[in-house]
Amino acid sequence: MVKAIRFFDMFSGIGGFRSGLEKAGGFKCIGNCEIDKHAEAAYKAMYNTEGEVYFSDARAIDPAEIGDFDLITAGFPCQPYSCAGRRASFKDPRGTLFLEIARLIEAKRPAFFLLENVPGLLSINKGKDFKVILETFSDLGYSFEWMVLNSAEFGVPQQRRRLYIVGYTREECAGRIFPVRGGDAQALKLVLPGPQGSRVYDPEGAACTQCAGSGGGGGKTGLYFIDLNPQPVLTDNARCVTARQDSGISKRRGEHSGVFFESDEPCAVINPFKEHVWQNGRRIKEPNEPMFTITAQDRHGVLHKGYIRRLTPLECWRLQGFEDDQFYLAYTTTQANTHLYRMAGNSVTVPVITAIAKKIKAAAELIGLDTT
């Protein structure tokens, strides 16, 4: 039986990797690296970091100051590769930070690494940049596999497609990590109490019972999403949570969602003002269906009796799979919505990491990983 798999949490943010690994069980964090002081303050409030090492800058990490570990996790900066950015790739200083991951891997030789980035990394510069990254780790003696996973398939109502790369030193692990699937749905689960029309239910669970007196199409019982930009559109899932979640109405198309309430119940809307323009798919979603991806650019809000509001920071954290008590611990370190939105937008989705972690743990069992 493998003991706890020790991991180093690089570019840790608010610990989406850590939360996901801890939920899987059998993982122990030995330290983290995060340059954003607000995210790091939240991290320390959310987790027991006593006895762990910490670095504020990846470039300043001294491998000699870190104990041995079996896994390194890193959601390295995605802005250089994102379709929402300039896609400057290696010309952006952040685009070469993966080399700091490689430097640490070369020095410590962990059995596994787990990386996350935007799917655009696969296509930028016709795939040449992704090839450079893979060759860097291959030259270190690692094999790897990768897959684009959508958070909406792992129990959170958010369309968030991200690229996950797993590397390992032992050939027996080949093909044992991906594909990864989400879990089964659960029973109806209330996540935000309140009067009728304001309650929010976990989309993992069953839909609410539809009543004959609900008022036809207006009798909705779940939250749905609408972007807050001109000519907004309805979506099945929340758009991707991003670091710029409260930056206001954006000029970029398809950014920032809200939540639409029709009549006494919430419902997502797409293009509500384009009544005479063709819309691919429905403009109004059914109760308890997922919402738009939440991104730094996307704006989500709620329309209730004619009013639309943006998603609250707590709702964005929920869309990333964090527990409410984790949000409130982070809230003790900063009450600024700008920081709280950015933390959620920059994080990985916890349930996705949990699913991958279970596969890594099984692979570690297979090779008899020694963690003593």
Protein backbone atom coordinates (compact mmCIF):
# COMPACT_ATOMS: atom_id res chain seq x y z
CA MET A 1 0.00 0.00 0.00
CA VAL A 2 1.36 3.40 -1.01
CA LYS A 3 1.55 5.94 1.77
CA ALA A 4 0.63 9.57 1.22
CA ILE A 5 1.84 10.91 -2.12
CA ARG A 6 3.84 14.04 -1.41
CA PHE A 7 3.27 16.94 -3.79
CA PHE A 8 4.56 20.45 -4.38
CA ASP A 9 1.87 22.97 -5.36
CA MET A 10 3.44 25.31 -7.94
CA PHE A 11 1.58 28.41 -9.22
CA SER A 12 -0.85 27.40 -6.51
CA GLY A 13 -3.37 30.25 -6.55
CA ILE A 14 -6.06 29.39 -4.00
CA GLY A 15 -5.19 25.71 -4.06
CA GLY A 16 -7.53 24.18 -6.61
CA PHE A 17 -5.03 21.37 -7.15
CA ARG A 18 -4.60 20.93 -3.42
CA SER A 19 -8.33 20.78 -2.71
CA GLY A 20 -8.81 18.26 -5.50
CA LEU A 21 -5.96 16.04 -4.34
CA GLU A 22 -7.08 16.17 -0.71
CA LYS A 23 -10.61 15.20 -1.69
CA ALA A 24 -9.18 12.16 -3.49
CA GLY A 25 -7.31 11.20 -0.32
CA GLY A 26 -3.78 9.90 0.04
CA PHE A 27 -1.93 13.11 -0.88
CA LYS A 28 0.17 15.38 1.34
CA CYS A 29 1.36 18.86 0.40
CA ILE A 30 4.96 19.77 1.28
CA GLY A 31 4.85 23.37 0.03
CA ASN A 32 3.63 25.85 -2.55
CA CYS A 33 4.65 28.76 -4.77
CA GLU A 34 2.41 31.74 -5.52
CA ILE A 35 3.33 35.29 -6.49
CA ASP A 36 -0.07 36.92 -5.91
CA LYS A 37 -0.11 38.10 -2.29
CA HIS A 38 -3.91 38.05 -2.05
CA ALA A 39 -4.17 34.49 -3.36
CA GLU A 40 -1.38 33.38 -1.03
CA ALA A 41 -3.08 34.97 1.98
CA ALA A 42 -6.27 33.11 1.07
CA TYR A 43 -4.29 29.88 0.59
CA LYS A 44 -2.81 30.12 4.07
CA ALA A 45 -6.25 30.79 5.54
CA MET A 46 -7.83 27.84 3.72
CA TYR A 47 -5.21 25.15 4.40
CA ASN A 48 -2.97 24.03 7.23
CA THR A 49 0.45 25.02 5.86
CA GLU A 50 2.42 24.59 9.08
CA GLY A 51 5.82 23.04 8.34
CA GLU A 52 5.49 23.55 4.58
CA VAL A 53 7.90 25.56 2.42
CA TYR A 54 6.73 28.63 0.52
CA PHE A 55 8.16 30.61 -2.38
CA SER A 56 6.69 33.79 -3.80
CA ASP A 57 8.53 33.59 -7.14
CA ALA A 58 8.99 30.45 -9.22
CA ARG A 59 12.26 31.80 -10.55
CA ALA A 60 13.66 32.05 -7.03
CA ILE A 61 12.93 28.47 -5.96
CA ASP A 62 16.00 26.69 -4.64
CA PRO A 63 15.42 22.92 -5.02
CA ALA A 64 17.80 22.32 -2.10
CA GLU A 65 15.29 24.03 0.19
CA ILE A 66 12.51 21.59 -0.72
CA GLY A 67 12.25 18.05 0.55
CA ASP A 68 11.63 15.15 -1.81
CA PHE A 69 8.20 14.88 -3.38
CA ASP A 70 6.42 12.44 -5.69
CA LEU A 71 4.21 14.81 -7.66
CA ILE A 72 4.39 18.41 -8.80
CA THR A 73 1.20 20.23 -9.76
CA ALA A 74 1.15 23.46 -11.74
CA GLY A 75 -1.45 25.54 -13.51
CA PHE A 76 1.22 27.59 -15.24
CA PRO A 77 0.15 31.01 -16.62
CA CYS A 78 -2.29 30.62 -19.49
CA GLN A 79 -2.48 34.21 -20.74
CA PRO A 80 0.30 33.76 -23.33
CA TYR A 81 -1.66 30.94 -25.02
CA SER A 82 -5.29 31.95 -24.41
CA CYS A 83 -7.57 32.91 -27.29
CA ALA A 84 -8.84 35.70 -25.03
CA GLY A 85 -5.38 37.25 -24.85
CA ARG A 86 -2.70 38.37 -27.27
CA ARG A 87 -1.33 34.84 -27.68
CA ALA A 88 2.24 36.11 -27.47
CA SER A 89 3.40 32.66 -26.34
CA PHE A 90 7.13 32.52 -25.61
CA LYS A 91 7.50 36.24 -26.37
CA ASP A 92 5.51 36.88 -23.20
CA PRO A 93 7.76 36.41 -20.12
CA ARG A 94 4.98 34.32 -18.56
CA GLY A 95 5.11 31.99 -21.55
CA THR A 96 8.45 30.52 -20.46
CA LEU A 97 7.53 29.87 -16.84
CA PHE A 98 7.05 26.20 -17.72
CA LEU A 99 10.86 26.09 -17.78
CA GLU A 100 10.80 26.73 -14.03
CA ILE A 101 8.62 23.64 -13.64
CA ALA A 102 11.11 21.68 -15.73
CA ARG A 103 14.01 23.02 -13.66
CA LEU A 104 12.42 21.79 -10.46
CA ILE A 105 11.49 18.43 -12.01
CA GLU A 106 15.04 17.92 -13.22
CA ALA A 107 16.39 18.59 -9.73
CA LYS A 108 13.87 16.56 -7.70
CA ARG A 109 12.83 13.80 -10.14
CA PRO A 110 9.24 13.28 -8.93
CA ALA A 111 7.42 10.20 -10.18
CA PHE A 112 4.58 12.30 -11.62
CA PHE A 113 3.69 15.79 -12.74
CA LEU A 114 0.25 17.26 -13.39
CA LEU A 115 -0.08 20.46 -15.43
CA GLU A 116 -3.08 22.54 -16.52
CA ASN A 117 -3.50 25.20 -19.20
CA VAL A 118 -5.91 26.44 -21.85
CA PRO A 119 -6.70 24.28 -24.91
CA GLY A 120 -5.21 27.05 -27.05
CA LEU A 121 -1.78 25.78 -26.04
CA LEU A 122 -2.32 22.89 -28.46
CA SER A 123 -2.82 25.10 -31.49
CA ILE A 124 -0.77 28.25 -30.95
CA ASN A 125 2.02 28.67 -33.51
CA LYS A 126 0.59 25.61 -35.33
CA GLY A 127 1.40 23.35 -32.39
CA LYS A 128 5.11 24.14 -32.41
CA ASP A 129 5.09 25.69 -28.94
CA PHE A 130 3.32 22.68 -27.44
CA LYS A 131 5.91 20.48 -29.10
CA VAL A 132 8.67 22.51 -27.42
CA ILE A 133 7.05 22.01 -24.03
CA LEU A 134 6.65 18.27 -24.55
CA GLU A 135 10.20 17.89 -25.82
CA THR A 136 11.46 19.71 -22.73
CA PHE A 137 9.90 17.12 -20.44
CA SER A 138 10.79 14.25 -22.75
CA ASP A 139 14.44 15.26 -22.57
CA LEU A 140 14.16 14.90 -18.80
CA GLY A 141 13.14 11.26 -19.22
CA TYR A 142 9.37 11.62 -18.78
CA SER A 143 6.54 10.10 -20.76
CA PHE A 144 3.22 11.91 -20.77
CA GLU A 145 -0.38 11.96 -21.91
CA TRP A 146 -2.86 14.78 -22.15
CA MET A 147 -6.57 15.42 -22.53
CA VAL A 148 -8.93 18.40 -22.79
CA LEU A 149 -11.60 18.09 -20.09
CA ASN A 150 -14.74 20.15 -19.56
CA SER A 151 -15.65 21.04 -15.98
CA ALA A 152 -19.35 20.71 -16.87
CA GLU A 153 -18.83 16.95 -17.11
CA PHE A 154 -17.58 16.76 -13.52
CA GLY A 155 -20.55 17.98 -11.52
CA VAL A 156 -20.19 21.77 -11.77
CA PRO A 157 -22.50 23.88 -13.99
CA GLN A 158 -19.71 25.60 -15.90
CA GLN A 159 -18.44 25.15 -19.45
CA ARG A 160 -14.70 25.26 -18.79
CA ARG A 161 -12.49 23.38 -21.23
CA ARG A 162 -8.92 23.01 -20.03
CA LEU A 163 -5.89 21.01 -21.13
CA TYR A 164 -4.44 18.61 -18.55
CA ILE A 165 -1.02 17.02 -18.99
CA VAL A 166 0.21 14.14 -16.83
CA GLY A 167 3.83 12.99 -16.93
CA TYR A 168 5.48 9.97 -15.33
CA THR A 169 8.84 8.22 -15.18
CA ARG A 170 7.62 4.60 -15.31
CA GLU A 171 6.36 3.11 -18.56
CA GLU A 172 3.86 0.95 -16.65
CA CYS A 173 1.79 4.12 -16.11
CA ALA A 174 1.25 4.65 -19.85
CA GLY A 175 -2.44 4.93 -20.74
CA ARG A 176 -3.59 4.57 -17.13
CA ILE A 177 -4.48 8.22 -16.43
CA PHE A 178 -6.64 9.30 -19.36
CA PRO A 179 -9.44 9.17 -20.28
CA VAL A 180 -11.01 10.53 -17.09
CA ARG A 181 -14.75 10.64 -16.57
CA GLY A 182 -16.99 12.56 -14.17
CA GLY A 183 -19.11 11.06 -11.43
CA ASP A 184 -22.80 10.17 -11.29
CA ALA A 185 -25.51 12.70 -10.47
CA GLN A 186 -26.86 12.93 -6.94
CA ALA A 187 -30.22 13.65 -5.39
CA LEU A 188 -31.68 17.16 -5.29
CA LYS A 189 -29.28 19.32 -3.30
CA LEU A 190 -30.01 22.86 -2.09
CA VAL A 191 -26.87 25.02 -2.09
CA LEU A 192 -28.40 28.48 -1.59
CA PRO A 193 -31.57 28.74 0.54
CA GLY A 194 -34.12 31.50 0.29
CA PRO A 195 -37.66 32.27 -0.80
CA GLN A 196 -39.21 30.63 -3.83
CA GLY A 197 -37.52 32.02 -6.93
CA SER A 198 -34.24 32.68 -5.15
CA ARG A 199 -33.18 29.17 -4.21
CA VAL A 200 -30.20 27.63 -5.98
CA TYR A 201 -29.77 23.89 -6.44
CA ASP A 202 -26.65 21.89 -7.17
CA PRO A 203 -26.79 20.89 -10.87
CA GLU A 204 -25.20 17.55 -9.93
CA GLY A 205 -28.51 16.57 -8.42
CA ALA A 206 -31.92 15.85 -9.88
CA ALA A 207 -34.09 18.67 -11.21
CA CYS A 208 -36.87 20.10 -9.06
CA THR A 209 -40.35 18.68 -9.48
CA GLN A 210 -42.34 20.66 -12.05
CA CYS A 211 -45.82 21.63 -10.89
CA ALA A 212 -48.95 22.10 -12.99
CA GLY A 213 -49.45 25.53 -11.43
CA SER A 214 -45.96 26.79 -12.18
CA GLY A 215 -47.17 29.09 -14.93
CA GLY A 216 -45.94 27.38 -18.07
CA GLY A 217 -42.63 28.59 -19.44
CA GLY A 218 -42.33 31.15 -16.68
CA GLY A 219 -42.30 28.59 -13.91
CA LYS A 220 -38.58 27.95 -13.69
CA THR A 221 -36.89 26.35 -10.72
CA GLY A 222 -33.16 26.68 -11.31
CA LEU A 223 -30.38 29.12 -12.11
CA TYR A 224 -29.33 29.78 -15.69
CA PHE A 225 -26.89 32.15 -17.24
CA ILE A 226 -26.91 35.23 -19.43
CA ASP A 227 -23.96 37.38 -20.40
CA LEU A 228 -23.99 41.00 -19.28
CA ASN A 229 -22.76 42.47 -22.55
CA PRO A 230 -24.79 44.16 -25.31
CA GLN A 231 -27.04 41.68 -27.10
CA PRO A 232 -26.63 39.00 -24.40
CA VAL A 233 -27.10 35.30 -25.10
CA LEU A 234 -28.51 32.40 -23.09
CA THR A 235 -26.25 29.43 -22.37
CA ASP A 236 -26.56 25.92 -20.98
CA ASN A 237 -23.56 26.36 -18.70
CA ALA A 238 -21.84 29.25 -17.01
CA ARG A 239 -19.00 30.67 -19.02
CA CYS A 240 -15.50 30.07 -17.74
CA VAL A 241 -14.73 31.96 -14.51
CA THR A 242 -11.87 34.33 -15.18
CA ALA A 243 -9.66 36.66 -13.22
CA ARG A 244 -11.47 39.69 -14.69
CA GLN A 245 -14.87 38.58 -13.45
CA ASP A 246 -15.91 42.02 -12.16
CA SER A 247 -14.27 44.16 -14.85
CA GLY A 248 -17.65 45.30 -16.15
CA ILE A 249 -19.22 44.98 -19.56
CA SER A 250 -16.66 43.74 -22.05
CA LYS A 251 -16.19 44.48 -25.73
CA ARG A 252 -15.18 40.87 -26.29
CA ARG A 253 -17.95 38.65 -27.51
CA GLY A 254 -19.04 35.84 -25.23
CA GLU A 255 -17.58 37.20 -22.01
CA HIS A 256 -18.98 37.35 -18.50
CA SER A 257 -22.30 35.77 -17.66
CA GLY A 258 -25.11 36.55 -15.29
CA VAL A 259 -28.13 34.61 -14.09
CA PHE A 260 -31.57 35.20 -15.60
CA PHE A 261 -34.72 34.93 -13.48
CA GLU A 262 -37.96 34.59 -15.42
CA SER A 263 -41.13 35.22 -13.47
CA ASP A 264 -40.63 33.87 -9.94
CA GLU A 265 -37.95 31.35 -10.88
CA PRO A 266 -34.40 31.71 -12.34
CA CYS A 267 -33.65 30.79 -15.94
CA ALA A 268 -30.72 31.34 -18.32
CA VAL A 269 -31.21 33.45 -21.44
CA ILE A 270 -29.24 33.83 -24.68
CA ASN A 271 -29.75 36.85 -26.96
CA PRO A 272 -32.94 38.03 -25.23
CA PHE A 273 -32.91 41.25 -27.27
CA LYS A 274 -32.40 39.54 -30.66
CA GLU A 275 -35.98 38.50 -31.12
CA HIS A 276 -35.78 38.53 -34.94
CA VAL A 277 -32.29 37.09 -35.30
CA TRP A 278 -31.64 33.34 -35.64
CA GLN A 279 -30.19 31.80 -32.50
CA ASN A 280 -28.52 28.41 -32.69
CA GLY A 281 -30.29 26.46 -29.96
CA ARG A 282 -32.80 27.57 -27.37
CA ARG A 283 -32.85 31.08 -25.95
CA ILE A 284 -34.21 29.93 -22.58
CA LYS A 285 -32.93 26.85 -20.79
CA GLU A 286 -34.80 24.31 -18.74
CA PRO A 287 -34.56 24.28 -14.92
CA ASN A 288 -31.33 23.05 -13.34
CA GLU A 289 -29.36 22.85 -16.57
CA PRO A 290 -25.70 23.96 -16.44
CA MET A 291 -24.63 27.49 -17.25
CA PHE A 292 -22.00 29.39 -19.23
CA THR A 293 -18.31 28.98 -18.59
CA ILE A 294 -17.15 31.61 -16.11
CA THR A 295 -14.03 33.39 -17.31
CA ALA A 296 -12.08 36.50 -16.52
CA GLN A 297 -13.81 38.01 -19.52
CA ASP A 298 -17.26 36.45 -19.15
CA ARG A 299 -19.96 38.14 -17.07
CA HIS A 300 -22.72 36.16 -15.43
CA GLY A 301 -25.66 37.76 -13.70
CA VAL A 302 -29.21 37.17 -12.48
CA LEU A 303 -32.41 38.60 -13.90
CA HIS A 304 -35.17 38.64 -11.30
CA LYS A 305 -38.42 40.40 -12.11
CA GLY A 306 -36.74 42.43 -14.80
CA TYR A 307 -33.34 42.94 -13.16
CA ILE A 308 -30.04 41.27 -14.03
CA ARG A 309 -27.23 40.87 -11.54
CA ARG A 310 -23.75 39.46 -11.98
CA LEU A 311 -22.68 36.29 -10.21
CA THR A 312 -21.44 36.85 -6.69
CA PRO A 313 -17.87 35.84 -5.79
CA LEU A 314 -19.27 32.99 -3.70
CA GLU A 315 -21.19 31.64 -6.71
CA CYS A 316 -18.03 31.79 -8.82
CA TRP A 317 -16.14 29.82 -6.18
CA ARG A 318 -18.93 27.24 -6.14
CA LEU A 319 -18.65 26.94 -9.92
CA GLN A 320 -15.01 25.97 -9.42
CA GLY A 321 -15.99 23.28 -6.92
CA PHE A 322 -14.84 24.96 -3.70
CA GLU A 323 -16.74 24.57 -0.45
CA ASP A 324 -18.51 27.56 1.06
CA ASP A 325 -16.37 27.42 4.19
CA GLN A 326 -13.26 27.70 2.02
CA PHE A 327 -14.65 30.87 0.45
CA TYR A 328 -15.41 32.40 3.82
CA LEU A 329 -11.90 31.60 5.08
CA ALA A 330 -10.50 33.39 2.04
CA TYR A 331 -12.96 36.22 2.65
CA THR A 332 -11.34 36.89 6.02
CA THR A 333 -8.17 37.90 4.15
CA THR A 334 -9.78 40.24 1.63
CA GLN A 335 -13.31 41.53 1.16
CA ALA A 336 -12.51 43.02 -2.27
CA ASN A 337 -14.69 41.42 -4.92
CA THR A 338 -12.01 42.08 -7.53
CA HIS A 339 -9.57 39.81 -5.68
CA LEU A 340 -12.17 37.13 -4.96
CA TYR A 341 -13.31 37.00 -8.59
CA ARG A 342 -9.72 36.82 -9.81
CA MET A 343 -8.93 33.99 -7.41
CA ALA A 344 -11.84 31.95 -8.75
CA GLY A 345 -11.06 32.73 -12.38
CA ASN A 346 -7.42 31.75 -12.06
CA SER A 347 -8.14 28.47 -10.29
CA VAL A 348 -8.53 24.96 -11.62
CA THR A 349 -11.85 23.19 -11.08
CA VAL A 350 -11.61 21.03 -7.97
CA PRO A 351 -13.74 18.00 -9.04
CA VAL A 352 -11.71 17.63 -12.26
CA ILE A 353 -8.49 17.44 -10.25
CA THR A 354 -10.05 14.91 -7.88
CA ALA A 355 -10.93 12.64 -10.80
CA ILE A 356 -7.40 12.84 -12.21
CA ALA A 357 -5.88 12.39 -8.74
CA LYS A 358 -7.66 9.07 -8.30
CA LYS A 359 -6.08 7.82 -11.52
CA ILE A 360 -2.63 9.02 -10.42
CA LYS A 361 -3.06 7.30 -7.06
CA ALA A 362 -3.97 4.04 -8.78
CA ALA A 363 -0.89 4.35 -11.00
CA ALA A 364 1.25 4.99 -7.93
CA GLU A 365 -0.15 1.82 -6.39
CA LEU A 366 0.71 -0.08 -9.54
CA ILE A 367 4.38 0.91 -9.51
CA GLY A 368 4.66 0.52 -5.73
CA LEU A 369 5.69 4.14 -5.21
CA ASP A 370 7.85 4.46 -2.10
CA THR A 371 6.83 7.57 -0.16
CA THR A 372 8.67 6.80 3.05
